[in-house]
N, C-alpha and C. Protein backbone atom coordinates (compact mmCIF):
# COMPACT_ATOMS: atom_id res chain seq x y z
N MET A 1 53.90 82.93 135.27
CA MET A 1 55.23 82.93 135.60
C MET A 1 56.04 81.91 134.76
N SER A 2 55.35 80.83 134.39
CA SER A 2 56.08 79.82 133.68
C SER A 2 56.30 80.24 132.29
N ARG A 3 55.58 81.12 131.71
CA ARG A 3 55.76 81.54 130.35
C ARG A 3 56.97 82.55 130.10
N ILE A 4 57.48 83.14 131.31
CA ILE A 4 58.63 84.10 131.00
C ILE A 4 59.81 83.23 130.79
N GLY A 5 60.46 83.73 129.64
CA GLY A 5 61.83 83.16 129.29
C GLY A 5 61.56 82.02 128.26
N LYS A 6 60.36 81.75 127.94
CA LYS A 6 60.07 80.82 126.87
C LYS A 6 59.81 81.40 125.59
N ILE A 7 60.22 80.92 124.51
CA ILE A 7 59.98 81.52 123.13
C ILE A 7 59.12 80.37 122.37
N ALA A 8 58.01 80.76 121.92
CA ALA A 8 57.16 79.91 121.05
C ALA A 8 57.88 79.61 119.76
N ARG A 9 57.57 78.41 119.37
CA ARG A 9 58.27 77.94 118.13
C ARG A 9 57.94 78.86 116.86
N ARG A 10 56.64 79.42 117.00
CA ARG A 10 56.25 80.24 115.72
C ARG A 10 57.05 81.43 115.88
N THR A 11 57.23 82.01 117.06
CA THR A 11 57.97 83.35 117.20
C THR A 11 59.48 83.09 116.84
N PHE A 12 60.09 81.97 117.21
CA PHE A 12 61.37 81.70 116.70
C PHE A 12 61.55 81.72 115.36
N LEU A 13 60.60 80.99 114.72
CA LEU A 13 60.71 80.81 113.22
C LEU A 13 60.53 81.99 112.49
N PHE A 14 59.55 83.01 112.92
CA PHE A 14 59.51 84.26 112.21
C PHE A 14 60.78 85.18 112.52
N GLY A 15 61.26 85.14 113.61
CA GLY A 15 62.51 85.79 114.05
C GLY A 15 63.56 85.32 113.07
N THR A 16 63.80 84.00 113.05
CA THR A 16 64.90 83.59 112.07
C THR A 16 64.67 83.83 110.69
N VAL A 17 63.51 83.90 110.15
CA VAL A 17 63.37 84.20 108.80
C VAL A 17 63.65 85.76 108.75
N ALA A 18 63.17 86.49 109.51
CA ALA A 18 63.53 87.97 109.43
C ALA A 18 64.99 88.19 109.61
N ILE A 19 65.68 87.70 110.42
CA ILE A 19 67.13 87.86 110.41
C ILE A 19 67.81 87.39 109.14
N ALA A 20 67.39 86.15 108.69
CA ALA A 20 67.94 85.68 107.57
C ALA A 20 67.53 86.41 106.27
N GLY A 21 66.35 87.05 106.16
CA GLY A 21 66.14 87.95 105.08
C GLY A 21 66.95 89.24 105.13
N GLY A 22 67.15 89.74 106.44
CA GLY A 22 68.03 90.91 106.47
C GLY A 22 69.38 90.66 105.94
N VAL A 23 69.82 89.58 106.39
CA VAL A 23 71.37 89.18 106.04
C VAL A 23 71.42 89.05 104.52
N ALA A 24 70.41 88.28 103.95
CA ALA A 24 70.40 88.14 102.44
C ALA A 24 70.36 89.39 101.70
N PHE A 25 69.36 90.39 102.19
CA PHE A 25 69.38 91.61 101.51
C PHE A 25 70.69 92.43 101.68
N GLY A 26 71.22 92.38 102.82
CA GLY A 26 72.50 93.21 103.00
C GLY A 26 73.67 92.54 102.13
N VAL A 27 73.66 91.24 101.95
CA VAL A 27 74.70 90.78 101.02
C VAL A 27 74.38 91.11 99.61
N TYR A 28 73.12 91.14 99.22
CA TYR A 28 72.69 91.60 97.87
C TYR A 28 73.17 93.06 97.62
N LYS A 29 72.91 93.94 98.46
CA LYS A 29 73.32 95.26 98.41
C LYS A 29 74.82 95.47 98.40
N LEU A 30 75.51 94.64 99.04
CA LEU A 30 76.97 94.67 99.17
C LEU A 30 77.50 94.32 97.89
N LYS A 31 77.07 93.23 97.21
CA LYS A 31 77.42 92.66 96.04
C LYS A 31 77.14 93.56 94.80
N GLU A 32 76.03 94.52 94.91
CA GLU A 32 75.51 95.19 93.79
C GLU A 32 76.66 96.21 93.28
N GLU A 33 76.74 96.39 92.09
CA GLU A 33 77.77 97.16 91.47
C GLU A 33 77.27 98.71 91.60
N ALA A 34 78.12 99.66 91.70
CA ALA A 34 77.79 101.00 91.83
C ALA A 34 77.39 101.48 90.47
N PRO A 35 76.45 102.27 90.25
CA PRO A 35 75.82 102.80 89.01
C PRO A 35 76.93 103.86 88.55
N ASN A 36 77.03 103.87 87.17
CA ASN A 36 78.01 104.92 86.61
C ASN A 36 77.27 106.20 86.54
N PRO A 37 77.75 107.20 87.28
CA PRO A 37 77.05 108.54 87.27
C PRO A 37 77.60 109.39 86.03
N LEU A 38 78.47 108.92 85.47
CA LEU A 38 79.11 109.66 84.41
C LEU A 38 78.84 109.15 82.99
N THR A 39 78.49 109.89 82.14
CA THR A 39 78.28 109.64 80.77
C THR A 39 79.28 110.39 79.81
N PRO A 40 80.28 109.72 79.42
CA PRO A 40 81.31 110.43 78.54
C PRO A 40 80.81 111.06 77.43
N GLY A 41 81.27 112.27 77.15
CA GLY A 41 80.74 113.00 75.88
C GLY A 41 81.96 112.78 74.90
N GLU A 42 81.92 113.73 73.92
CA GLU A 42 82.83 113.82 72.82
C GLU A 42 84.22 114.18 73.46
N GLY A 43 85.21 113.48 73.24
CA GLY A 43 86.55 113.82 73.92
C GLY A 43 86.73 113.61 75.31
N GLU A 44 85.87 112.97 75.91
CA GLU A 44 85.86 112.45 77.45
C GLU A 44 86.16 111.01 77.48
N VAL A 45 86.68 110.66 78.66
CA VAL A 45 86.99 109.24 78.91
C VAL A 45 86.58 109.05 80.31
N THR A 46 85.91 107.89 80.71
CA THR A 46 85.52 107.47 82.00
C THR A 46 86.40 106.31 82.28
N LEU A 47 87.24 106.32 83.23
CA LEU A 47 88.08 105.06 83.57
C LEU A 47 87.23 104.09 84.40
N ASN A 48 86.41 104.62 85.18
CA ASN A 48 85.45 103.76 86.02
C ASN A 48 84.41 104.66 86.31
N PRO A 49 83.31 104.28 87.22
CA PRO A 49 82.33 105.18 87.50
C PRO A 49 82.75 106.38 88.42
N PHE A 50 83.98 106.53 88.80
CA PHE A 50 84.38 107.56 89.83
C PHE A 50 85.40 108.51 89.14
N ILE A 51 85.79 108.30 88.07
CA ILE A 51 86.89 109.23 87.44
C ILE A 51 86.57 109.68 86.01
N LEU A 52 86.49 111.07 85.80
CA LEU A 52 86.26 111.59 84.45
C LEU A 52 87.46 112.37 84.02
N ILE A 53 87.93 112.15 82.96
CA ILE A 53 89.03 112.92 82.41
C ILE A 53 88.50 113.70 81.20
N ASN A 54 88.59 115.00 81.16
CA ASN A 54 88.22 115.76 79.86
C ASN A 54 89.30 117.01 79.77
N GLN A 55 88.81 117.93 78.86
CA GLN A 55 89.68 118.95 78.62
C GLN A 55 89.78 119.96 79.85
N ALA A 56 88.86 120.03 80.74
CA ALA A 56 88.86 120.91 81.89
C ALA A 56 89.72 120.45 82.89
N GLY A 57 89.85 119.23 82.97
CA GLY A 57 90.64 118.54 84.03
C GLY A 57 90.22 117.15 84.36
N VAL A 58 90.46 116.74 85.63
CA VAL A 58 90.13 115.41 86.14
C VAL A 58 89.10 115.62 87.19
N THR A 59 87.96 114.84 87.18
CA THR A 59 86.96 114.95 88.17
C THR A 59 86.92 113.58 88.86
N LEU A 60 86.91 113.64 90.23
CA LEU A 60 87.00 112.35 90.97
C LEU A 60 85.69 112.39 91.88
N ILE A 61 84.84 111.48 91.55
CA ILE A 61 83.59 111.33 92.42
C ILE A 61 83.77 110.43 93.56
N ALA A 62 83.56 111.02 94.76
CA ALA A 62 83.64 110.20 96.07
C ALA A 62 82.28 110.00 96.56
N PRO A 63 81.75 108.72 96.26
CA PRO A 63 80.31 108.58 96.68
C PRO A 63 80.15 108.26 98.25
N LYS A 64 81.20 108.04 98.93
CA LYS A 64 81.07 107.86 100.30
C LYS A 64 81.46 109.09 101.09
N ALA A 65 80.86 109.32 102.32
CA ALA A 65 81.12 110.38 103.16
C ALA A 65 82.49 110.46 103.56
N GLU A 66 83.06 111.53 103.62
CA GLU A 66 84.44 111.71 104.28
C GLU A 66 84.21 112.13 105.69
N MET A 67 84.72 111.09 106.55
CA MET A 67 84.49 111.37 107.97
C MET A 67 85.79 111.54 108.71
N GLY A 68 86.88 112.04 108.15
CA GLY A 68 88.15 112.31 108.87
C GLY A 68 89.10 111.25 108.53
N GLN A 69 88.84 110.19 107.78
CA GLN A 69 89.80 109.25 107.33
C GLN A 69 90.79 109.63 106.22
N GLY A 70 90.48 110.80 105.61
CA GLY A 70 91.46 111.26 104.50
C GLY A 70 91.24 110.45 103.25
N VAL A 71 89.99 109.98 103.00
CA VAL A 71 89.74 109.09 101.78
C VAL A 71 89.82 109.97 100.40
N HIS A 72 89.45 111.19 100.50
CA HIS A 72 89.49 111.89 99.30
C HIS A 72 90.98 112.24 98.90
N THR A 73 91.81 112.48 99.91
CA THR A 73 93.33 112.76 99.78
C THR A 73 93.97 111.57 99.29
N MET A 74 93.51 110.46 99.84
CA MET A 74 94.16 109.19 99.48
C MET A 74 93.88 108.89 98.07
N ALA A 75 92.66 109.08 97.61
CA ALA A 75 92.10 108.72 96.34
C ALA A 75 92.90 109.62 95.25
N ILE A 76 93.12 110.86 95.58
CA ILE A 76 93.85 111.78 94.73
C ILE A 76 95.26 111.29 94.54
N GLN A 77 95.83 110.79 95.74
CA GLN A 77 97.32 110.43 95.77
C GLN A 77 97.29 109.00 94.78
N VAL A 78 96.47 108.19 94.98
CA VAL A 78 96.47 106.95 94.21
C VAL A 78 96.43 107.21 92.77
N LEU A 79 95.49 108.13 92.42
CA LEU A 79 95.28 108.58 90.93
C LEU A 79 96.52 109.19 90.39
N HIS A 80 97.21 109.97 91.25
CA HIS A 80 98.54 110.62 90.83
C HIS A 80 99.53 109.49 90.72
N GLN A 81 99.59 108.53 91.64
CA GLN A 81 100.65 107.42 91.56
C GLN A 81 100.28 106.63 90.29
N GLU A 82 99.26 106.29 90.07
CA GLU A 82 98.91 105.34 88.95
C GLU A 82 99.00 105.85 87.53
N THR A 83 98.58 107.24 87.41
CA THR A 83 98.36 107.84 86.08
C THR A 83 99.49 108.86 85.96
N GLY A 84 100.07 109.48 86.98
CA GLY A 84 101.00 110.49 86.87
C GLY A 84 100.20 111.87 86.65
N ILE A 85 99.08 111.94 86.95
CA ILE A 85 98.29 113.34 86.75
C ILE A 85 98.58 114.13 87.93
N ASP A 86 98.80 115.43 87.64
CA ASP A 86 99.20 116.46 88.62
C ASP A 86 97.89 116.59 89.56
N PRO A 87 98.13 116.31 90.85
CA PRO A 87 97.06 116.41 91.91
C PRO A 87 96.37 117.68 91.99
N SER A 88 96.85 118.91 91.55
CA SER A 88 96.30 120.22 91.65
C SER A 88 95.19 120.39 90.64
N ILE A 89 95.20 119.54 89.57
CA ILE A 89 94.07 119.72 88.55
C ILE A 89 92.90 118.75 88.96
N VAL A 90 92.95 118.00 89.87
CA VAL A 90 91.95 116.93 90.23
C VAL A 90 90.85 117.68 91.12
N GLU A 91 89.63 117.63 90.63
CA GLU A 91 88.44 118.21 91.41
C GLU A 91 87.72 116.95 92.10
N VAL A 92 87.38 117.13 93.28
CA VAL A 92 86.69 116.07 94.05
C VAL A 92 85.30 116.49 94.17
N ILE A 93 84.37 115.70 93.77
CA ILE A 93 82.96 115.89 93.87
C ILE A 93 82.40 114.90 94.93
N LYS A 94 81.78 115.54 96.01
CA LYS A 94 81.33 114.71 97.17
C LYS A 94 79.90 114.30 96.97
């Protein structure tokens, strides 16, 4: 009965190292830059890893899931506001 509620020093240290390692890995993944899925060809331009402009139109890549927040619509509106591109020619790839 006396052992209930007590944490051994070794268990505490292992738990602390596991939590610190998880936090460090999470911060590392958060700071990591997104890979560029687009390789611009002849006559194409990539503004960043998520926007491709070519003769066919504008392609917007949305790497995160749309879960009702309107992220895709907002990204198209920001693209229109910043560049003046007609929103009807923007294609969103999910």
